[in-house]
Amino acid sequence: MTQRTDITLEIGEQSLEFAIDPALMTKYINALTPSNKVAPANNLLVNAIKLEHKEQLKPLLANPMTVIQLAGALVEEYAPTVEVTVKKHSATPND
């Protein structure tokens, strides 16, 4: 069951179309380390970009901060909205 999500990012005057699926996002997250963020972000962008927009993306990959911003926008848009509440437990032990 592969759910692909199409995402369009507007960068200046151009629109870039990406296709993200759970496998691609998992690969990106698993590649992130404290000292390695740009390479996984770059790989996410290159692997998710639709073929017809690949040439438009290439110049944007030259600046690592642009790479991080674009990947961040994809991740933010791809992430589902889930409401999570942490239930606090009592500090006193039950007998």
PDB file of N, CA and C in Angstrom:
ATOM      1  N   MET A   1       0.846  -1.176   0.000  1.00  0.00           N
ATOM      2  CA  MET A   1       0.000   0.000   0.000  1.00  0.00           C
ATOM      3  C   MET A   1       0.890   1.237   0.000  1.00  0.00           C
ATOM      4  N   THR A   2       1.092   1.795  -1.156  1.00  0.00           N
ATOM      5  CA  THR A   2       1.926   2.977  -1.291  1.00  0.00           C
ATOM      6  C   THR A   2       1.038   4.179  -1.573  1.00  0.00           C
ATOM      7  N   GLN A   3       0.998   5.085  -0.624  1.00  0.00           N
ATOM      8  CA  GLN A   3       0.237   6.310  -0.808  1.00  0.00           C
ATOM      9  C   GLN A   3       1.188   7.395  -1.262  1.00  0.00           C
ATOM     10  N   ARG A   4       1.039   7.814  -2.487  1.00  0.00           N
ATOM     11  CA  ARG A   4       1.873   8.875  -3.015  1.00  0.00           C
ATOM     12  C   ARG A   4       1.136  10.198  -2.850  1.00  0.00           C
ATOM     13  N   THR A   5       1.869  11.190  -2.410  1.00  0.00           N
ATOM     14  CA  THR A   5       1.313  12.528  -2.246  1.00  0.00           C
ATOM     15  C   THR A   5       2.033  13.468  -3.198  1.00  0.00           C
ATOM     16  N   ASP A   6       1.269  14.136  -4.043  1.00  0.00           N
ATOM     17  CA  ASP A   6       1.835  15.127  -4.952  1.00  0.00           C
ATOM     18  C   ASP A   6       1.826  16.482  -4.246  1.00  0.00           C
ATOM     19  N   ILE A   7       2.975  17.143  -4.273  1.00  0.00           N
ATOM     20  CA  ILE A   7       3.134  18.435  -3.609  1.00  0.00           C
ATOM     21  C   ILE A   7       3.771  19.404  -4.591  1.00  0.00           C
ATOM     22  N   THR A   8       3.211  20.587  -4.701  1.00  0.00           N
ATOM     23  CA  THR A   8       3.770  21.639  -5.551  1.00  0.00           C
ATOM     24  C   THR A   8       4.325  22.737  -4.656  1.00  0.00           C
ATOM     25  N   LEU A   9       5.593  23.063  -4.878  1.00  0.00           N
ATOM     26  CA  LEU A   9       6.221  24.170  -4.159  1.00  0.00           C
ATOM     27  C   LEU A   9       6.375  25.334  -5.123  1.00  0.00           C
ATOM     28  N   GLU A  10       5.999  26.516  -4.682  1.00  0.00           N
ATOM     29  CA  GLU A  10       6.180  27.734  -5.469  1.00  0.00           C
ATOM     30  C   GLU A  10       7.450  28.409  -4.976  1.00  0.00           C
ATOM     31  N   ILE A  11       8.410  28.552  -5.865  1.00  0.00           N
ATOM     32  CA  ILE A  11       9.677  29.201  -5.542  1.00  0.00           C
ATOM     33  C   ILE A  11       9.828  30.366  -6.507  1.00  0.00           C
ATOM     34  N   GLY A  12       9.636  31.576  -5.986  1.00  0.00           N
ATOM     35  CA  GLY A  12       9.670  32.741  -6.862  1.00  0.00           C
ATOM     36  C   GLY A  12       8.567  32.635  -7.903  1.00  0.00           C
ATOM     37  N   GLU A  13       8.950  32.705  -9.162  1.00  0.00           N
ATOM     38  CA  GLU A  13       8.000  32.656 -10.271  1.00  0.00           C
ATOM     39  C   GLU A  13       7.739  31.242 -10.767  1.00  0.00           C
ATOM     40  N   GLN A  14       8.463  30.256 -10.235  1.00  0.00           N
ATOM     41  CA  GLN A  14       8.322  28.896 -10.756  1.00  0.00           C
ATOM     42  C   GLN A  14       7.627  27.961  -9.769  1.00  0.00           C
ATOM     43  N   SER A  15       6.993  26.958 -10.320  1.00  0.00           N
ATOM     44  CA  SER A  15       6.364  25.914  -9.523  1.00  0.00           C
ATOM     45  C   SER A  15       7.099  24.614  -9.795  1.00  0.00           C
ATOM     46  N   LEU A  16       7.433  23.913  -8.709  1.00  0.00           N
ATOM     47  CA  LEU A  16       8.088  22.616  -8.829  1.00  0.00           C
ATOM     48  C   LEU A  16       7.165  21.562  -8.242  1.00  0.00           C
ATOM     49  N   GLU A  17       6.997  20.471  -8.967  1.00  0.00           N
ATOM     50  CA  GLU A  17       6.110  19.406  -8.518  1.00  0.00           C
ATOM     51  C   GLU A  17       6.918  18.210  -8.043  1.00  0.00           C
ATOM     52  N   PHE A  18       6.518  17.699  -6.871  1.00  0.00           N
ATOM     53  CA  PHE A  18       7.179  16.567  -6.238  1.00  0.00           C
ATOM     54  C   PHE A  18       6.149  15.481  -5.966  1.00  0.00           C
ATOM     55  N   ALA A  19       6.611  14.251  -5.874  1.00  0.00           N
ATOM     56  CA  ALA A  19       5.775  13.121  -5.482  1.00  0.00           C
ATOM     57  C   ALA A  19       6.478  12.405  -4.333  1.00  0.00           C
ATOM     58  N   ILE A  20       5.833  12.370  -3.180  1.00  0.00           N
ATOM     59  CA  ILE A  20       6.406  11.779  -1.972  1.00  0.00           C
ATOM     60  C   ILE A  20       5.575  10.549  -1.595  1.00  0.00           C
ATOM     61  N   ASP A  21       6.264   9.494  -1.173  1.00  0.00           N
ATOM     62  CA  ASP A  21       5.567   8.323  -0.647  1.00  0.00           C
ATOM     63  C   ASP A  21       6.233   7.911   0.667  1.00  0.00           C
ATOM     64  N   PRO A  22       5.602   7.020   1.421  1.00  0.00           N
ATOM     65  CA  PRO A  22       6.170   6.642   2.716  1.00  0.00           C
ATOM     66  C   PRO A  22       7.591   6.088   2.633  1.00  0.00           C
ATOM     67  N   ALA A  23       7.904   5.313   1.628  1.00  0.00           N
ATOM     68  CA  ALA A  23       9.249   4.743   1.501  1.00  0.00           C
ATOM     69  C   ALA A  23      10.301   5.834   1.316  1.00  0.00           C
ATOM     70  N   LEU A  24       9.993   6.811   0.487  1.00  0.00           N
ATOM     71  CA  LEU A  24      10.932   7.912   0.243  1.00  0.00           C
ATOM     72  C   LEU A  24      11.126   8.749   1.516  1.00  0.00           C
ATOM     73  N   MET A  25      10.041   9.008   2.230  1.00  0.00           N
ATOM     74  CA  MET A  25      10.137   9.793   3.460  1.00  0.00           C
ATOM     75  C   MET A  25      10.897   9.018   4.541  1.00  0.00           C
ATOM     76  N   THR A  26      10.667   7.722   4.625  1.00  0.00           N
ATOM     77  CA  THR A  26      11.387   6.888   5.599  1.00  0.00           C
ATOM     78  C   THR A  26      12.881   6.885   5.305  1.00  0.00           C
ATOM     79  N   LYS A  27      13.234   6.771   4.041  1.00  0.00           N
ATOM     80  CA  LYS A  27      14.647   6.791   3.650  1.00  0.00           C
ATOM     81  C   LYS A  27      15.289   8.122   4.055  1.00  0.00           C
ATOM     82  N   TYR A  28      14.587   9.215   3.838  1.00  0.00           N
ATOM     83  CA  TYR A  28      15.084  10.542   4.211  1.00  0.00           C
ATOM     84  C   TYR A  28      15.311  10.637   5.730  1.00  0.00           C
ATOM     85  N   ILE A  29      14.308  10.248   6.502  1.00  0.00           N
ATOM     86  CA  ILE A  29      14.406  10.358   7.960  1.00  0.00           C
ATOM     87  C   ILE A  29      15.523   9.467   8.493  1.00  0.00           C
ATOM     88  N   ASN A  30      15.643   8.261   7.975  1.00  0.00           N
ATOM     89  CA  ASN A  30      16.676   7.340   8.441  1.00  0.00           C
ATOM     90  C   ASN A  30      18.088   7.820   8.096  1.00  0.00           C
ATOM     91  N   ALA A  31      18.223   8.633   7.061  1.00  0.00           N
ATOM     92  CA  ALA A  31      19.541   9.131   6.654  1.00  0.00           C
ATOM     93  C   ALA A  31      19.989  10.341   7.464  1.00  0.00           C
ATOM     94  N   LEU A  32      19.061  11.004   8.145  1.00  0.00           N
ATOM     95  CA  LEU A  32      19.418  12.189   8.936  1.00  0.00           C
ATOM     96  C   LEU A  32      20.257  11.808  10.148  1.00  0.00           C
ATOM     97  N   THR A  33      21.324  12.534  10.363  1.00  0.00           N
ATOM     98  CA  THR A  33      22.155  12.378  11.550  1.00  0.00           C
ATOM     99  C   THR A  33      22.503  13.779  12.039  1.00  0.00           C
ATOM    100  N   PRO A  34      23.029  13.900  13.256  1.00  0.00           N
ATOM    101  CA  PRO A  34      23.395  15.232  13.742  1.00  0.00           C
ATOM    102  C   PRO A  34      24.380  15.975  12.837  1.00  0.00           C
ATOM    103  N   SER A  35      25.234  15.243  12.145  1.00  0.00           N
ATOM    104  CA  SER A  35      26.227  15.900  11.289  1.00  0.00           C
ATOM    105  C   SER A  35      25.931  15.735   9.798  1.00  0.00           C
ATOM    106  N   ASN A  36      24.762  15.214   9.445  1.00  0.00           N
ATOM    107  CA  ASN A  36      24.441  14.985   8.036  1.00  0.00           C
ATOM    108  C   ASN A  36      22.973  15.297   7.783  1.00  0.00           C
ATOM    109  N   LYS A  37      22.709  16.513   7.328  1.00  0.00           N
ATOM    110  CA  LYS A  37      21.344  16.926   7.041  1.00  0.00           C
ATOM    111  C   LYS A  37      21.161  17.375   5.600  1.00  0.00           C
ATOM    112  N   VAL A  38      22.186  17.980   5.033  1.00  0.00           N
ATOM    113  CA  VAL A  38      22.059  18.521   3.678  1.00  0.00           C
ATOM    114  C   VAL A  38      21.986  17.402   2.639  1.00  0.00           C
ATOM    115  N   ALA A  39      22.839  16.397   2.749  1.00  0.00           N
ATOM    116  CA  ALA A  39      22.841  15.303   1.765  1.00  0.00           C
ATOM    117  C   ALA A  39      21.505  14.558   1.745  1.00  0.00           C
ATOM    118  N   PRO A  40      20.932  14.179   2.901  1.00  0.00           N
ATOM    119  CA  PRO A  40      19.619  13.531   2.848  1.00  0.00           C
ATOM    120  C   PRO A  40      18.533  14.442   2.272  1.00  0.00           C
ATOM    121  N   ALA A  41      18.581  15.735   2.592  1.00  0.00           N
ATOM    122  CA  ALA A  41      17.604  16.680   2.049  1.00  0.00           C
ATOM    123  C   ALA A  41      17.752  16.784   0.537  1.00  0.00           C
ATOM    124  N   ASN A  42      18.990  16.860   0.066  1.00  0.00           N
ATOM    125  CA  ASN A  42      19.266  16.912  -1.362  1.00  0.00           C
ATOM    126  C   ASN A  42      18.721  15.650  -2.044  1.00  0.00           C
ATOM    127  N   ASN A  43      18.980  14.492  -1.453  1.00  0.00           N
ATOM    128  CA  ASN A  43      18.501  13.231  -2.025  1.00  0.00           C
ATOM    129  C   ASN A  43      16.979  13.175  -2.064  1.00  0.00           C
ATOM    130  N   LEU A  44      16.326  13.667  -1.014  1.00  0.00           N
ATOM    131  CA  LEU A  44      14.865  13.704  -0.999  1.00  0.00           C
ATOM    132  C   LEU A  44      14.344  14.525  -2.175  1.00  0.00           C
ATOM    133  N   LEU A  45      14.906  15.713  -2.357  1.00  0.00           N
ATOM    134  CA  LEU A  45      14.458  16.585  -3.447  1.00  0.00           C
ATOM    135  C   LEU A  45      14.684  15.945  -4.809  1.00  0.00           C
ATOM    136  N   VAL A  46      15.866  15.397  -5.018  1.00  0.00           N
ATOM    137  CA  VAL A  46      16.212  14.808  -6.325  1.00  0.00           C
ATOM    138  C   VAL A  46      15.354  13.584  -6.619  1.00  0.00           C
ATOM    139  N   ASN A  47      15.074  12.790  -5.587  1.00  0.00           N
ATOM    140  CA  ASN A  47      14.285  11.572  -5.797  1.00  0.00           C
ATOM    141  C   ASN A  47      12.787  11.831  -5.877  1.00  0.00           C
ATOM    142  N   ALA A  48      12.327  12.941  -5.330  1.00  0.00           N
ATOM    143  CA  ALA A  48      10.891  13.228  -5.318  1.00  0.00           C
ATOM    144  C   ALA A  48      10.440  14.137  -6.459  1.00  0.00           C
ATOM    145  N   ILE A  49      11.367  14.890  -7.054  1.00  0.00           N
ATOM    146  CA  ILE A  49      10.981  15.842  -8.104  1.00  0.00           C
ATOM    147  C   ILE A  49      10.408  15.100  -9.308  1.00  0.00           C
ATOM    148  N   LYS A  50       9.373  15.647  -9.872  1.00  0.00           N
ATOM    149  CA  LYS A  50       8.820  15.048 -11.091  1.00  0.00           C
ATOM    150  C   LYS A  50       9.782  15.343 -12.237  1.00  0.00           C
ATOM    151  N   LEU A  51       9.916  14.372 -13.110  1.00  0.00           N
ATOM    152  CA  LEU A  51      10.912  14.412 -14.181  1.00  0.00           C
ATOM    153  C   LEU A  51      10.882  15.720 -14.977  1.00  0.00           C
ATOM    154  N   GLU A  52       9.707  16.231 -15.256  1.00  0.00           N
ATOM    155  CA  GLU A  52       9.601  17.441 -16.075  1.00  0.00           C
ATOM    156  C   GLU A  52      10.098  18.701 -15.363  1.00  0.00           C
ATOM    157  N   HIS A  53      10.364  18.620 -14.057  1.00  0.00           N
ATOM    158  CA  HIS A  53      10.846  19.784 -13.307  1.00  0.00           C
ATOM    159  C   HIS A  53      12.276  19.629 -12.803  1.00  0.00           C
ATOM    160  N   LYS A  54      12.914  18.530 -13.171  1.00  0.00           N
ATOM    161  CA  LYS A  54      14.262  18.241 -12.671  1.00  0.00           C
ATOM    162  C   LYS A  54      15.266  19.339 -13.043  1.00  0.00           C
ATOM    163  N   GLU A  55      15.222  19.846 -14.255  1.00  0.00           N
ATOM    164  CA  GLU A  55      16.159  20.896 -14.690  1.00  0.00           C
ATOM    165  C   GLU A  55      15.947  22.195 -13.926  1.00  0.00           C
ATOM    166  N   GLN A  56      14.711  22.507 -13.565  1.00  0.00           N
ATOM    167  CA  GLN A  56      14.422  23.715 -12.780  1.00  0.00           C
ATOM    168  C   GLN A  56      14.972  23.586 -11.360  1.00  0.00           C
ATOM    169  N   LEU A  57      15.005  22.367 -10.838  1.00  0.00           N
ATOM    170  CA  LEU A  57      15.471  22.143  -9.475  1.00  0.00           C
ATOM    171  C   LEU A  57      16.984  22.269  -9.355  1.00  0.00           C
ATOM    172  N   LYS A  58      17.718  21.827 -10.366  1.00  0.00           N
ATOM    173  CA  LYS A  58      19.189  21.748 -10.280  1.00  0.00           C
ATOM    174  C   LYS A  58      19.868  23.013  -9.768  1.00  0.00           C
ATOM    175  N   PRO A  59      19.548  24.208 -10.271  1.00  0.00           N
ATOM    176  CA  PRO A  59      20.236  25.406  -9.759  1.00  0.00           C
ATOM    177  C   PRO A  59      19.950  25.678  -8.277  1.00  0.00           C
ATOM    178  N   LEU A  60      18.798  25.234  -7.788  1.00  0.00           N
ATOM    179  CA  LEU A  60      18.428  25.462  -6.390  1.00  0.00           C
ATOM    180  C   LEU A  60      19.219  24.566  -5.439  1.00  0.00           C
ATOM    181  N   LEU A  61      19.814  23.499  -5.970  1.00  0.00           N
ATOM    182  CA  LEU A  61      20.568  22.567  -5.138  1.00  0.00           C
ATOM    183  C   LEU A  61      21.968  23.073  -4.803  1.00  0.00           C
ATOM    184  N   ALA A  62      22.379  24.183  -5.409  1.00  0.00           N
ATOM    185  CA  ALA A  62      23.726  24.719  -5.182  1.00  0.00           C
ATOM    186  C   ALA A  62      23.886  25.333  -3.792  1.00  0.00           C
ATOM    187  N   ASN A  63      22.805  25.832  -3.213  1.00  0.00           N
ATOM    188  CA  ASN A  63      22.866  26.472  -1.903  1.00  0.00           C
ATOM    189  C   ASN A  63      22.298  25.521  -0.853  1.00  0.00           C
ATOM    190  N   PRO A  64      23.123  25.098   0.112  1.00  0.00           N
ATOM    191  CA  PRO A  64      22.634  24.131   1.106  1.00  0.00           C
ATOM    192  C   PRO A  64      21.446  24.638   1.926  1.00  0.00           C
ATOM    193  N   MET A  65      21.362  25.929   2.154  1.00  0.00           N
ATOM    194  CA  MET A  65      20.227  26.460   2.917  1.00  0.00           C
ATOM    195  C   MET A  65      18.930  26.377   2.121  1.00  0.00           C
ATOM    196  N   THR A  66      19.027  26.560   0.814  1.00  0.00           N
ATOM    197  CA  THR A  66      17.851  26.395  -0.044  1.00  0.00           C
ATOM    198  C   THR A  66      17.400  24.945  -0.026  1.00  0.00           C
ATOM    199  N   VAL A  67      18.355  24.034  -0.080  1.00  0.00           N
ATOM    200  CA  VAL A  67      18.053  22.602  -0.036  1.00  0.00           C
ATOM    201  C   VAL A  67      17.293  22.271   1.247  1.00  0.00           C
ATOM    202  N   ILE A  68      17.790  22.763   2.375  1.00  0.00           N
ATOM    203  CA  ILE A  68      17.150  22.505   3.673  1.00  0.00           C
ATOM    204  C   ILE A  68      15.746  23.106   3.716  1.00  0.00           C
ATOM    205  N   GLN A  69      15.587  24.322   3.202  1.00  0.00           N
ATOM    206  CA  GLN A  69      14.274  24.972   3.203  1.00  0.00           C
ATOM    207  C   GLN A  69      13.273  24.217   2.342  1.00  0.00           C
ATOM    208  N   LEU A  70      13.687  23.800   1.150  1.00  0.00           N
ATOM    209  CA  LEU A  70      12.774  23.087   0.256  1.00  0.00           C
ATOM    210  C   LEU A  70      12.386  21.729   0.846  1.00  0.00           C
ATOM    211  N   ALA A  71      13.355  20.999   1.360  1.00  0.00           N
ATOM    212  CA  ALA A  71      13.055  19.699   1.969  1.00  0.00           C
ATOM    213  C   ALA A  71      12.137  19.885   3.176  1.00  0.00           C
ATOM    214  N   GLY A  72      12.395  20.912   3.966  1.00  0.00           N
ATOM    215  CA  GLY A  72      11.546  21.200   5.119  1.00  0.00           C
ATOM    216  C   GLY A  72      10.108  21.485   4.717  1.00  0.00           C
ATOM    217  N   ALA A  73       9.941  22.218   3.628  1.00  0.00           N
ATOM    218  CA  ALA A  73       8.591  22.522   3.136  1.00  0.00           C
ATOM    219  C   ALA A  73       7.886  21.240   2.690  1.00  0.00           C
ATOM    220  N   LEU A  74       8.620  20.343   2.037  1.00  0.00           N
ATOM    221  CA  LEU A  74       8.030  19.065   1.620  1.00  0.00           C
ATOM    222  C   LEU A  74       7.614  18.235   2.826  1.00  0.00           C
ATOM    223  N   VAL A  75       8.500  18.140   3.808  1.00  0.00           N
ATOM    224  CA  VAL A  75       8.212  17.348   5.003  1.00  0.00           C
ATOM    225  C   VAL A  75       7.002  17.919   5.739  1.00  0.00           C
ATOM    226  N   GLU A  76       6.960  19.228   5.882  1.00  0.00           N
ATOM    227  CA  GLU A  76       5.848  19.875   6.582  1.00  0.00           C
ATOM    228  C   GLU A  76       4.522  19.623   5.865  1.00  0.00           C
ATOM    229  N   GLU A  77       4.531  19.720   4.563  1.00  0.00           N
ATOM    230  CA  GLU A  77       3.303  19.511   3.795  1.00  0.00           C
ATOM    231  C   GLU A  77       2.892  18.040   3.788  1.00  0.00           C
ATOM    232  N   TYR A  78       3.858  17.148   3.779  1.00  0.00           N
ATOM    233  CA  TYR A  78       3.579  15.717   3.725  1.00  0.00           C
ATOM    234  C   TYR A  78       3.052  15.180   5.062  1.00  0.00           C
ATOM    235  N   ALA A  79       3.515  15.753   6.151  1.00  0.00           N
ATOM    236  CA  ALA A  79       3.160  15.249   7.480  1.00  0.00           C
ATOM    237  C   ALA A  79       1.658  15.381   7.731  1.00  0.00           C
ATOM    238  N   PRO A  80       1.047  14.299   8.194  1.00  0.00           N
ATOM    239  CA  PRO A  80      -0.384  14.385   8.512  1.00  0.00           C
ATOM    240  C   PRO A  80      -0.591  15.194   9.784  1.00  0.00           C
ATOM    241  N   THR A  81      -1.780  15.715   9.927  1.00  0.00           N
ATOM    242  CA  THR A  81      -2.126  16.427  11.139  1.00  0.00           C
ATOM    243  C   THR A  81      -2.685  15.408  12.119  1.00  0.00           C
ATOM    244  N   VAL A  82      -1.954  15.172  13.181  1.00  0.00           N
ATOM    245  CA  VAL A  82      -2.353  14.204  14.189  1.00  0.00           C
ATOM    246  C   VAL A  82      -2.333  14.899  15.541  1.00  0.00           C
ATOM    247  N   GLU A  83      -3.424  14.790  16.255  1.00  0.00           N
ATOM    248  CA  GLU A  83      -3.476  15.388  17.581  1.00  0.00           C
ATOM    249  C   GLU A  83      -2.974  14.367  18.592  1.00  0.00           C
ATOM    250  N   VAL A  84      -1.929  14.727  19.305  1.00  0.00           N
ATOM    251  CA  VAL A  84      -1.316  13.835  20.287  1.00  0.00           C
ATOM    252  C   VAL A  84      -1.365  14.505  21.647  1.00  0.00           C
ATOM    253  N   THR A  85      -1.823  13.767  22.633  1.00  0.00           N
ATOM    254  CA  THR A  85      -1.848  14.249  24.007  1.00  0.00           C
ATOM    255  C   THR A  85      -1.099  13.246  24.866  1.00  0.00           C
ATOM    256  N   VAL A  86      -0.195  13.729  25.668  1.00  0.00           N
ATOM    257  CA  VAL A  86       0.548  12.868  26.579  1.00  0.00           C
ATOM    258  C   VAL A  86      -0.181  12.864  27.908  1.00  0.00           C
ATOM    259  N   LYS A  87      -0.556  11.668  28.353  1.00  0.00           N
ATOM    260  CA  LYS A  87      -1.261  11.552  29.618  1.00  0.00           C
ATOM    261  C   LYS A  87      -0.232  11.449  30.733  1.00  0.00           C
ATOM    262  N   LYS A  88      -0.337  12.327  31.701  1.00  0.00           N
ATOM    263  CA  LYS A  88       0.578  12.349  32.834  1.00  0.00           C
ATOM    264  C   LYS A  88       0.161  11.288  33.844  1.00  0.00           C
ATOM    265  N   HIS A  89       1.142  10.533  34.317  1.00  0.00           N
ATOM    266  CA  HIS A  89       0.885   9.514  35.327  1.00  0.00           C
ATOM    267  C   HIS A  89       1.229  10.059  36.705  1.00  0.00           C
ATOM    268  N   SER A  90       0.558   9.553  37.683  1.00  0.00           N
ATOM    269  CA  SER A  90       0.792   9.953  39.066  1.00  0.00           C
ATOM    270  C   SER A  90       2.167   9.483  39.504  1.00  0.00           C
ATOM    271  N   ALA A  91       2.815  10.281  40.343  1.00  0.00           N
ATOM    272  CA  ALA A  91       4.158   9.935  40.852  1.00  0.00           C
ATOM    273  C   ALA A  91       4.076   8.962  42.018  1.00  0.00           C
ATOM    274  N   THR A  92       2.890   8.768  42.583  1.00  0.00           N
ATOM    275  CA  THR A  92       2.758   7.854  43.717  1.00  0.00           C
ATOM    276  C   THR A  92       2.513   6.446  43.207  1.00  0.00           C
ATOM    277  N   PRO A  93       3.254   5.463  43.752  1.00  0.00           N
ATOM    278  CA  PRO A  93       3.074   4.075  43.307  1.00  0.00           C
ATOM    279  C   PRO A  93       1.750   3.505  43.774  1.00  0.00           C
ATOM    280  N   ASN A  94       1.191   2.638  42.961  1.00  0.00           N
ATOM    281  CA  ASN A  94      -0.071   1.966  43.331  1.00  0.00           C
ATOM    282  C   ASN A  94       0.254   0.690  44.098  1.00  0.00           C
ATOM    283  N   ASP A  95      -0.474   0.426  45.160  1.00  0.00           N
ATOM    284  CA  ASP A  95      -0.280  -0.818  45.932  1.00  0.00           C
ATOM    285  C   ASP A  95      -1.403  -1.776  45.689  1.00  0.00           C
TER     286      ASP A  95
END
